[in-house]
PDB file of N, CA and C in Angstrom:
ATOM      1  N   UNK A   1      46.928-118.233 -76.049  1.00  0.00           N
ATOM      2  CA  UNK A   1      46.341-117.045 -76.637  1.00  0.00           C
ATOM      3  C   UNK A   1      44.911-117.343 -77.086  1.00  0.00           C
ATOM      4  N   UNK A   2      44.067-116.325 -76.993  1.00  0.00           N
ATOM      5  CA  UNK A   2      42.666-116.463 -77.383  1.00  0.00           C
ATOM      6  C   UNK A   2      42.493-116.203 -78.875  1.00  0.00           C
ATOM      7  N   UNK A   3      41.579-116.963 -79.468  1.00  0.00           N
ATOM      8  CA  UNK A   3      41.206-116.734 -80.857  1.00  0.00           C
ATOM      9  C   UNK A   3      39.829-116.092 -80.874  1.00  0.00           C
ATOM     10  N   UNK A   4      39.692-115.011 -81.635  1.00  0.00           N
ATOM     11  CA  UNK A   4      38.453-114.245 -81.715  1.00  0.00           C
ATOM     12  C   UNK A   4      37.928-114.249 -83.133  1.00  0.00           C
ATOM     13  N   UNK A   5      36.626-114.035 -83.258  1.00  0.00           N
ATOM     14  CA  UNK A   5      36.007-113.804 -84.554  1.00  0.00           C
ATOM     15  C   UNK A   5      35.466-112.381 -84.518  1.00  0.00           C
ATOM     16  N   UNK A   6      35.877-111.580 -85.486  1.00  0.00           N
ATOM     17  CA  UNK A   6      35.494-110.167 -85.532  1.00  0.00           C
ATOM     18  C   UNK A   6      34.878-109.876 -86.899  1.00  0.00           C
ATOM     19  N   UNK A   7      33.788-109.135 -86.913  1.00  0.00           N
ATOM     20  CA  UNK A   7      33.191-108.633 -88.147  1.00  0.00           C
ATOM     21  C   UNK A   7      33.362-107.123 -88.108  1.00  0.00           C
ATOM     22  N   UNK A   8      34.082-106.580 -89.090  1.00  0.00           N
ATOM     23  CA  UNK A   8      34.392-105.149 -89.023  1.00  0.00           C
ATOM     24  C   UNK A   8      34.753-104.594 -90.395  1.00  0.00           C
ATOM     25  N   UNK A   9      34.825-103.263 -90.443  1.00  0.00           N
ATOM     26  CA  UNK A   9      35.190-102.529 -91.650  1.00  0.00           C
ATOM     27  C   UNK A   9      36.624-102.022 -91.513  1.00  0.00           C
ATOM     28  N   UNK A  10      37.422-102.211 -92.567  1.00  0.00           N
ATOM     29  CA  UNK A  10      38.813-101.776 -92.558  1.00  0.00           C
ATOM     30  C   UNK A  10      38.895-100.256 -92.741  1.00  0.00           C
ATOM     31  N   UNK A  11      39.621 -99.607 -91.844  1.00  0.00           N
ATOM     32  CA  UNK A  11      39.792 -98.157 -91.909  1.00  0.00           C
ATOM     33  C   UNK A  11      41.123 -97.752 -92.536  1.00  0.00           C
ATOM     34  N   UNK A  12      42.157 -98.586 -92.346  1.00  0.00           N
ATOM     35  CA  UNK A  12      43.487 -98.214 -92.826  1.00  0.00           C
ATOM     36  C   UNK A  12      44.354 -99.456 -92.999  1.00  0.00           C
ATOM     37  N   UNK A  13      45.174 -99.437 -94.058  1.00  0.00           N
ATOM     38  CA  UNK A  13      46.156-100.494 -94.303  1.00  0.00           C
ATOM     39  C   UNK A  13      47.507 -99.816 -94.451  1.00  0.00           C
ATOM     40  N   UNK A  14      48.499-100.278 -93.674  1.00  0.00           N
ATOM     41  CA  UNK A  14      49.844 -99.722 -93.746  1.00  0.00           C
ATOM     42  C   UNK A  14      50.828-100.865 -93.932  1.00  0.00           C
ATOM     43  N   UNK A  15      51.620-100.805 -95.008  1.00  0.00           N
ATOM     44  CA  UNK A  15      52.625-101.840 -95.236  1.00  0.00           C
ATOM     45  C   UNK A  15      53.920-101.449 -94.553  1.00  0.00           C
ATOM     46  N   UNK A  16      54.426-102.331 -93.680  1.00  0.00           N
ATOM     47  CA  UNK A  16      55.700-102.086 -93.009  1.00  0.00           C
ATOM     48  C   UNK A  16      56.858-102.528 -93.887  1.00  0.00           C
ATOM     49  N   UNK A  17      56.763-103.732 -94.387  1.00  0.00           N
ATOM     50  CA  UNK A  17      57.789-104.303 -95.256  1.00  0.00           C
ATOM     51  C   UNK A  17      57.147-105.426 -96.064  1.00  0.00           C
ATOM     52  N   UNK A  18      57.968-106.221 -96.746  1.00  0.00           N
ATOM     53  CA  UNK A  18      57.406-107.282 -97.582  1.00  0.00           C
ATOM     54  C   UNK A  18      56.852-108.452 -96.768  1.00  0.00           C
ATOM     55  N   UNK A  19      57.102-108.475 -95.451  1.00  0.00           N
ATOM     56  CA  UNK A  19      56.655-109.583 -94.614  1.00  0.00           C
ATOM     57  C   UNK A  19      55.443-109.269 -93.745  1.00  0.00           C
ATOM     58  N   UNK A  20      55.166-107.986 -93.489  1.00  0.00           N
ATOM     59  CA  UNK A  20      54.097-107.663 -92.547  1.00  0.00           C
ATOM     60  C   UNK A  20      53.436-106.321 -92.866  1.00  0.00           C
ATOM     61  N   UNK A  21      52.131-106.291 -92.646  1.00  0.00           N
ATOM     62  CA  UNK A  21      51.350-105.064 -92.785  1.00  0.00           C
ATOM     63  C   UNK A  21      50.539-104.850 -91.519  1.00  0.00           C
ATOM     64  N   UNK A  22      50.092-103.615 -91.334  1.00  0.00           N
ATOM     65  CA  UNK A  22      49.238-103.264 -90.202  1.00  0.00           C
ATOM     66  C   UNK A  22      47.861-102.915 -90.757  1.00  0.00           C
ATOM     67  N   UNK A  23      46.830-103.406 -90.064  1.00  0.00           N
ATOM     68  CA  UNK A  23      45.452-103.179 -90.493  1.00  0.00           C
ATOM     69  C   UNK A  23      44.681-102.591 -89.322  1.00  0.00           C
ATOM     70  N   UNK A  24      43.970-101.498 -89.573  1.00  0.00           N
ATOM     71  CA  UNK A  24      43.150-100.878 -88.524  1.00  0.00           C
ATOM     72  C   UNK A  24      41.684-101.058 -88.900  1.00  0.00           C
ATOM     73  N   UNK A  25      40.892-101.561 -87.928  1.00  0.00           N
ATOM     74  CA  UNK A  25      39.484-101.833 -88.162  1.00  0.00           C
ATOM     75  C   UNK A  25      38.614-101.047 -87.185  1.00  0.00           C
ATOM     76  N   UNK A  26      37.397-100.753 -87.621  1.00  0.00           N
ATOM     77  CA  UNK A  26      36.423-100.045 -86.799  1.00  0.00           C
ATOM     78  C   UNK A  26      35.880-100.974 -85.724  1.00  0.00           C
ATOM     79  N   UNK A  27      35.762-100.482 -84.509  1.00  0.00           N
ATOM     80  CA  UNK A  27      35.100-101.234 -83.438  1.00  0.00           C
ATOM     81  C   UNK A  27      34.756-100.273 -82.312  1.00  0.00           C
ATOM     82  N   UNK A  28      33.515-100.324 -81.861  1.00  0.00           N
ATOM     83  CA  UNK A  28      33.069 -99.567 -80.690  1.00  0.00           C
ATOM     84  C   UNK A  28      32.312-100.534 -79.813  1.00  0.00           C
ATOM     85  N   UNK A  29      32.696-100.635 -78.566  1.00  0.00           N
ATOM     86  CA  UNK A  29      32.006-101.544 -77.667  1.00  0.00           C
ATOM     87  C   UNK A  29      32.881-101.935 -76.499  1.00  0.00           C
ATOM     88  N   UNK A  30      32.523-103.045 -75.883  1.00  0.00           N
ATOM     89  CA  UNK A  30      33.231-103.529 -74.701  1.00  0.00           C
ATOM     90  C   UNK A  30      33.650-104.974 -74.944  1.00  0.00           C
ATOM     91  N   UNK A  31      34.882-105.293 -74.568  1.00  0.00           N
ATOM     92  CA  UNK A  31      35.399-106.648 -74.668  1.00  0.00           C
ATOM     93  C   UNK A  31      36.158-106.971 -73.391  1.00  0.00           C
ATOM     94  N   UNK A  32      35.780-108.053 -72.724  1.00  0.00           N
ATOM     95  CA  UNK A  32      36.389-108.454 -71.463  1.00  0.00           C
ATOM     96  C   UNK A  32      36.402-107.323 -70.441  1.00  0.00           C
ATOM     97  N   UNK A  33      35.307-106.546 -70.427  1.00  0.00           N
ATOM     98  CA  UNK A  33      35.157-105.477 -69.454  1.00  0.00           C
ATOM     99  C   UNK A  33      35.894-104.189 -69.780  1.00  0.00           C
ATOM    100  N   UNK A  34      36.558-104.118 -70.920  1.00  0.00           N
ATOM    101  CA  UNK A  34      37.297-102.915 -71.308  1.00  0.00           C
ATOM    102  C   UNK A  34      36.628-102.258 -72.508  1.00  0.00           C
ATOM    103  N   UNK A  35      36.399-100.947 -72.422  1.00  0.00           N
ATOM    104  CA  UNK A  35      35.827-100.195 -73.543  1.00  0.00           C
ATOM    105  C   UNK A  35      36.850-100.113 -74.666  1.00  0.00           C
ATOM    106  N   UNK A  36      36.401-100.462 -75.863  1.00  0.00           N
ATOM    107  CA  UNK A  36      37.295-100.428 -77.013  1.00  0.00           C
ATOM    108  C   UNK A  36      36.891 -99.331 -77.980  1.00  0.00           C
ATOM    109  N   UNK A  37      37.898 -98.773 -78.644  1.00  0.00           N
ATOM    110  CA  UNK A  37      37.659 -97.746 -79.662  1.00  0.00           C
ATOM    111  C   UNK A  37      38.223 -98.145 -81.019  1.00  0.00           C
ATOM    112  N   UNK A  38      38.840 -99.327 -81.078  1.00  0.00           N
ATOM    113  CA  UNK A  38      39.378 -99.778 -82.349  1.00  0.00           C
ATOM    114  C   UNK A  38      40.090-101.106 -82.244  1.00  0.00           C
ATOM    115  N   UNK A  39      40.433-101.649 -83.422  1.00  0.00           N
ATOM    116  CA  UNK A  39      41.136-102.920 -83.514  1.00  0.00           C
ATOM    117  C   UNK A  39      42.346-102.702 -84.418  1.00  0.00           C
ATOM    118  N   UNK A  40      43.531-103.029 -83.922  1.00  0.00           N
ATOM    119  CA  UNK A  40      44.757-102.932 -84.711  1.00  0.00           C
ATOM    120  C   UNK A  40      45.342-104.335 -84.850  1.00  0.00           C
ATOM    121  N   UNK A  41      45.508-104.756 -86.112  1.00  0.00           N
ATOM    122  CA  UNK A  41      45.959-106.114 -86.388  1.00  0.00           C
ATOM    123  C   UNK A  41      47.195-106.098 -87.272  1.00  0.00           C
ATOM    124  N   UNK A  42      47.977-107.151 -87.163  1.00  0.00           N
ATOM    125  CA  UNK A  42      49.134-107.352 -88.025  1.00  0.00           C
ATOM    126  C   UNK A  42      48.920-108.631 -88.819  1.00  0.00           C
ATOM    127  N   UNK A  43      49.501-108.671 -89.999  1.00  0.00           N
ATOM    128  CA  UNK A  43      49.386-109.858 -90.830  1.00  0.00           C
ATOM    129  C   UNK A  43      50.198-109.697 -92.090  1.00  0.00           C
ATOM    130  N   UNK A  44      50.268-110.743 -92.894  1.00  0.00           N
ATOM    131  CA  UNK A  44      51.018-110.662 -94.147  1.00  0.00           C
ATOM    132  C   UNK A  44      50.361-109.675 -95.113  1.00  0.00           C
ATOM    133  N   UNK A  45      51.157-109.028 -95.963  1.00  0.00           N
ATOM    134  CA  UNK A  45      50.607-108.027 -96.886  1.00  0.00           C
ATOM    135  C   UNK A  45      49.773-108.603 -98.025  1.00  0.00           C
ATOM    136  N   UNK A  46      49.782-109.921 -98.216  1.00  0.00           N
ATOM    137  CA  UNK A  46      49.051-110.530 -99.335  1.00  0.00           C
ATOM    138  C   UNK A  46      47.630-110.959 -98.971  1.00  0.00           C
ATOM    139  N   UNK A  47      47.047-110.389 -97.929  1.00  0.00           N
ATOM    140  CA  UNK A  47      45.707-110.780 -97.479  1.00  0.00           C
ATOM    141  C   UNK A  47      44.571-110.226 -98.334  1.00  0.00           C
ATOM    142  N   UNK A  48      44.840-109.311 -99.230  1.00  0.00           N
ATOM    143  CA  UNK A  48      43.818-108.690-100.069  1.00  0.00           C
ATOM    144  C   UNK A  48      42.779-107.928 -99.249  1.00  0.00           C
ATOM    145  N   UNK A  49      43.191-107.325 -98.144  1.00  0.00           N
ATOM    146  CA  UNK A  49      42.321-106.479 -97.324  1.00  0.00           C
ATOM    147  C   UNK A  49      42.459-105.054 -97.839  1.00  0.00           C
ATOM    148  N   UNK A  50      41.326-104.425 -98.130  1.00  0.00           N
ATOM    149  CA  UNK A  50      41.339-103.069 -98.676  1.00  0.00           C
ATOM    150  C   UNK A  50      40.591-102.110 -97.763  1.00  0.00           C
ATOM    151  N   UNK A  51      41.027-100.885 -97.746  1.00  0.00           N
ATOM    152  CA  UNK A  51      40.367 -99.839 -96.966  1.00  0.00           C
ATOM    153  C   UNK A  51      38.916 -99.714 -97.431  1.00  0.00           C
ATOM    154  N   UNK A  52      37.997 -99.687 -96.457  1.00  0.00           N
ATOM    155  CA  UNK A  52      36.574 -99.567 -96.759  1.00  0.00           C
ATOM    156  C   UNK A  52      35.864-100.899 -96.906  1.00  0.00           C
ATOM    157  N   UNK A  53      36.601-101.988 -97.024  1.00  0.00           N
ATOM    158  CA  UNK A  53      35.993-103.310 -97.150  1.00  0.00           C
ATOM    159  C   UNK A  53      35.533-103.855 -95.806  1.00  0.00           C
ATOM    160  N   UNK A  54      34.500-104.695 -95.843  1.00  0.00           N
ATOM    161  CA  UNK A  54      33.980-105.331 -94.619  1.00  0.00           C
ATOM    162  C   UNK A  54      34.400-106.787 -94.617  1.00  0.00           C
ATOM    163  N   UNK A  55      34.875-107.258 -93.451  1.00  0.00           N
ATOM    164  CA  UNK A  55      35.493-108.579 -93.383  1.00  0.00           C
ATOM    165  C   UNK A  55      35.069-109.368 -92.153  1.00  0.00           C
ATOM    166  N   UNK A  56      35.117-110.686 -92.305  1.00  0.00           N
ATOM    167  CA  UNK A  56      35.010-111.630 -91.204  1.00  0.00           C
ATOM    168  C   UNK A  56      36.448-112.044 -90.912  1.00  0.00           C
ATOM    169  N   UNK A  57      36.915-111.786 -89.683  1.00  0.00           N
ATOM    170  CA  UNK A  57      38.314-112.008 -89.332  1.00  0.00           C
ATOM    171  C   UNK A  57      38.451-113.022 -88.217  1.00  0.00           C
ATOM    172  N   UNK A  58      39.380-113.925 -88.373  1.00  0.00           N
ATOM    173  CA  UNK A  58      39.787-114.821 -87.296  1.00  0.00           C
ATOM    174  C   UNK A  58      41.105-114.240 -86.788  1.00  0.00           C
ATOM    175  N   UNK A  59      41.141-113.917 -85.502  1.00  0.00           N
ATOM    176  CA  UNK A  59      42.245-113.142 -84.938  1.00  0.00           C
ATOM    177  C   UNK A  59      42.803-113.818 -83.697  1.00  0.00           C
ATOM    178  N   UNK A  60      44.119-113.799 -83.574  1.00  0.00           N
ATOM    179  CA  UNK A  60      44.783-114.242 -82.350  1.00  0.00           C
ATOM    180  C   UNK A  60      45.037-112.990 -81.504  1.00  0.00           C
ATOM    181  N   UNK A  61      44.414-112.944 -80.326  1.00  0.00           N
ATOM    182  CA  UNK A  61      44.543-111.793 -79.433  1.00  0.00           C
ATOM    183  C   UNK A  61      45.966-111.696 -78.905  1.00  0.00           C
ATOM    184  N   UNK A  62      46.553-110.507 -79.016  1.00  0.00           N
ATOM    185  CA  UNK A  62      47.883-110.246 -78.460  1.00  0.00           C
ATOM    186  C   UNK A  62      47.741-109.485 -77.153  1.00  0.00           C
ATOM    187  N   UNK A  63      46.968-108.379 -77.166  1.00  0.00           N
ATOM    188  CA  UNK A  63      46.773-107.614 -75.932  1.00  0.00           C
ATOM    189  C   UNK A  63      45.606-106.644 -76.077  1.00  0.00           C
ATOM    190  N   UNK A  64      45.157-106.150 -74.944  1.00  0.00           N
ATOM    191  CA  UNK A  64      44.172-105.075 -74.851  1.00  0.00           C
ATOM    192  C   UNK A  64      44.855-103.946 -74.097  1.00  0.00           C
ATOM    193  N   UNK A  65      44.997-102.777 -74.735  1.00  0.00           N
ATOM    194  CA  UNK A  65      45.607-101.656 -74.047  1.00  0.00           C
ATOM    195  C   UNK A  65      45.148-100.339 -74.663  1.00  0.00           C
ATOM    196  N   UNK A  66      44.956 -99.361 -73.802  1.00  0.00           N
ATOM    197  CA  UNK A  66      44.554 -98.017 -74.228  1.00  0.00           C
ATOM    198  C   UNK A  66      43.318 -98.019 -75.127  1.00  0.00           C
ATOM    199  N   UNK A  67      42.381 -98.907 -74.867  1.00  0.00           N
ATOM    200  CA  UNK A  67      41.153 -98.966 -75.642  1.00  0.00           C
ATOM    201  C   UNK A  67      41.300 -99.607 -77.008  1.00  0.00           C
ATOM    202  N   UNK A  68      42.432-100.248 -77.251  1.00  0.00           N
ATOM    203  CA  UNK A  68      42.668-100.910 -78.533  1.00  0.00           C
ATOM    204  C   UNK A  68      42.865-102.403 -78.332  1.00  0.00           C
ATOM    205  N   UNK A  69      42.230-103.174 -79.191  1.00  0.00           N
ATOM    206  CA  UNK A  69      42.461-104.604 -79.231  1.00  0.00           C
ATOM    207  C   UNK A  69      43.537-104.831 -80.278  1.00  0.00           C
ATOM    208  N   UNK A  70      44.627-105.463 -79.881  1.00  0.00           N
ATOM    209  CA  UNK A  70      45.730-105.718 -80.807  1.00  0.00           C
ATOM    210  C   UNK A  70      45.890-107.211 -80.997  1.00  0.00           C
ATOM    211  N   UNK A  71      46.132-107.607 -82.243  1.00  0.00           N
ATOM    212  CA  UNK A  71      46.250-109.028 -82.518  1.00  0.00           C
ATOM    213  C   UNK A  71      46.870-109.316 -83.861  1.00  0.00           C
ATOM    214  N   UNK A  72      46.873-110.604 -84.211  1.00  0.00           N
ATOM    215  CA  UNK A  72      47.407-111.082 -85.480  1.00  0.00           C
ATOM    216  C   UNK A  72      46.287-111.761 -86.255  1.00  0.00           C
ATOM    217  N   UNK A  73      46.215-111.483 -87.530  1.00  0.00           N
ATOM    218  CA  UNK A  73      45.192-112.081 -88.385  1.00  0.00           C
ATOM    219  C   UNK A  73      45.574-113.528 -88.702  1.00  0.00           C
ATOM    220  N   UNK A  74      44.658-114.440 -88.398  1.00  0.00           N
ATOM    221  CA  UNK A  74      44.843-115.850 -88.723  1.00  0.00           C
ATOM    222  C   UNK A  74      44.238-116.141 -90.091  1.00  0.00           C
ATOM    223  N   UNK A  75      43.015-115.621 -90.293  1.00  0.00           N
ATOM    224  CA  UNK A  75      42.278-115.864 -91.537  1.00  0.00           C
ATOM    225  C   UNK A  75      41.336-114.698 -91.757  1.00  0.00           C
ATOM    226  N   UNK A  76      41.117-114.323 -92.996  1.00  0.00           N
ATOM    227  CA  UNK A  76      40.209-113.225 -93.321  1.00  0.00           C
ATOM    228  C   UNK A  76      39.366-113.617 -94.529  1.00  0.00           C
ATOM    229  N   UNK A  77      38.108-113.167 -94.492  1.00  0.00           N
ATOM    230  CA  UNK A  77      37.184-113.449 -95.588  1.00  0.00           C
ATOM    231  C   UNK A  77      36.289-112.235 -95.792  1.00  0.00           C
ATOM    232  N   UNK A  78      36.131-111.771 -97.037  1.00  0.00           N
ATOM    233  CA  UNK A  78      35.218-110.655 -97.280  1.00  0.00           C
ATOM    234  C   UNK A  78      33.810-111.022 -96.817  1.00  0.00           C
ATOM    235  N   UNK A  79      33.147-110.092 -96.165  1.00  0.00           N
ATOM    236  CA  UNK A  79      31.829-110.353 -95.599  1.00  0.00           C
ATOM    237  C   UNK A  79      30.820-110.750 -96.671  1.00  0.00           C
ATOM    238  N   UNK A  80      30.931-110.199 -97.846  1.00  0.00           N
ATOM    239  CA  UNK A  80      30.012-110.530 -98.943  1.00  0.00           C
ATOM    240  C   UNK A  80      30.077-111.985 -99.361  1.00  0.00           C
ATOM    241  N   UNK A  81      31.202-112.656 -99.132  1.00  0.00           N
ATOM    242  CA  UNK A  81      31.338-114.071 -99.481  1.00  0.00           C
ATOM    243  C   UNK A  81      30.734-114.984 -98.400  1.00  0.00           C
ATOM    244  N   UNK A  82      30.353-114.417 -97.279  1.00  0.00           N
ATOM    245  CA  UNK A  82      29.826-115.210 -96.162  1.00  0.00           C
ATOM    246  C   UNK A  82      28.308-115.299 -96.184  1.00  0.00           C
ATOM    247  N   UNK A  83      27.658-114.645 -97.125  1.00  0.00           N
ATOM    248  CA  UNK A  83      26.200-114.600 -97.182  1.00  0.00           C
ATOM    249  C   UNK A  83      25.667-115.788 -97.957  1.00  0.00           C
ATOM    250  N   UNK A  84      24.672-116.457 -97.407  1.00  0.00           N
ATOM    251  CA  UNK A  84      24.003-117.564 -98.082  1.00  0.00           C
ATOM    252  C   UNK A  84      23.034-116.976 -99.099  1.00  0.00           C
ATOM    253  N   UNK A  85      23.283-117.164-100.370  1.00  0.00           N
ATOM    254  CA  UNK A  85      22.457-116.548-101.411  1.00  0.00           C
ATOM    255  C   UNK A  85      21.409-117.510-101.988  1.00  0.00           C
ATOM    256  N   UNK A  86      21.097-118.576-101.286  1.00  0.00           N
ATOM    257  CA  UNK A  86      20.116-119.524-101.813  1.00  0.00           C
ATOM    258  C   UNK A  86      18.699-119.098-101.539  1.00  0.00           C
TER     259      UNK A  86
END
């Protein structure tokens, strides 16, 4: 499986159960020759990802279908923490 780095804004968080949540992120562009209209990811509910927040995501690609990139979150970091403030 491919590992990707994505910088995006969270549009929606849906909790399925105590073990997994679904996260939808904004994305417009092309990846591997396919036009994308969004990113749908799964991951544990304790990631502290909030709707409207911007994040740097490490993602394991699951599939590309119907213009959506689907995957699993490996690691997430708020974009504001990635800025060098020196």
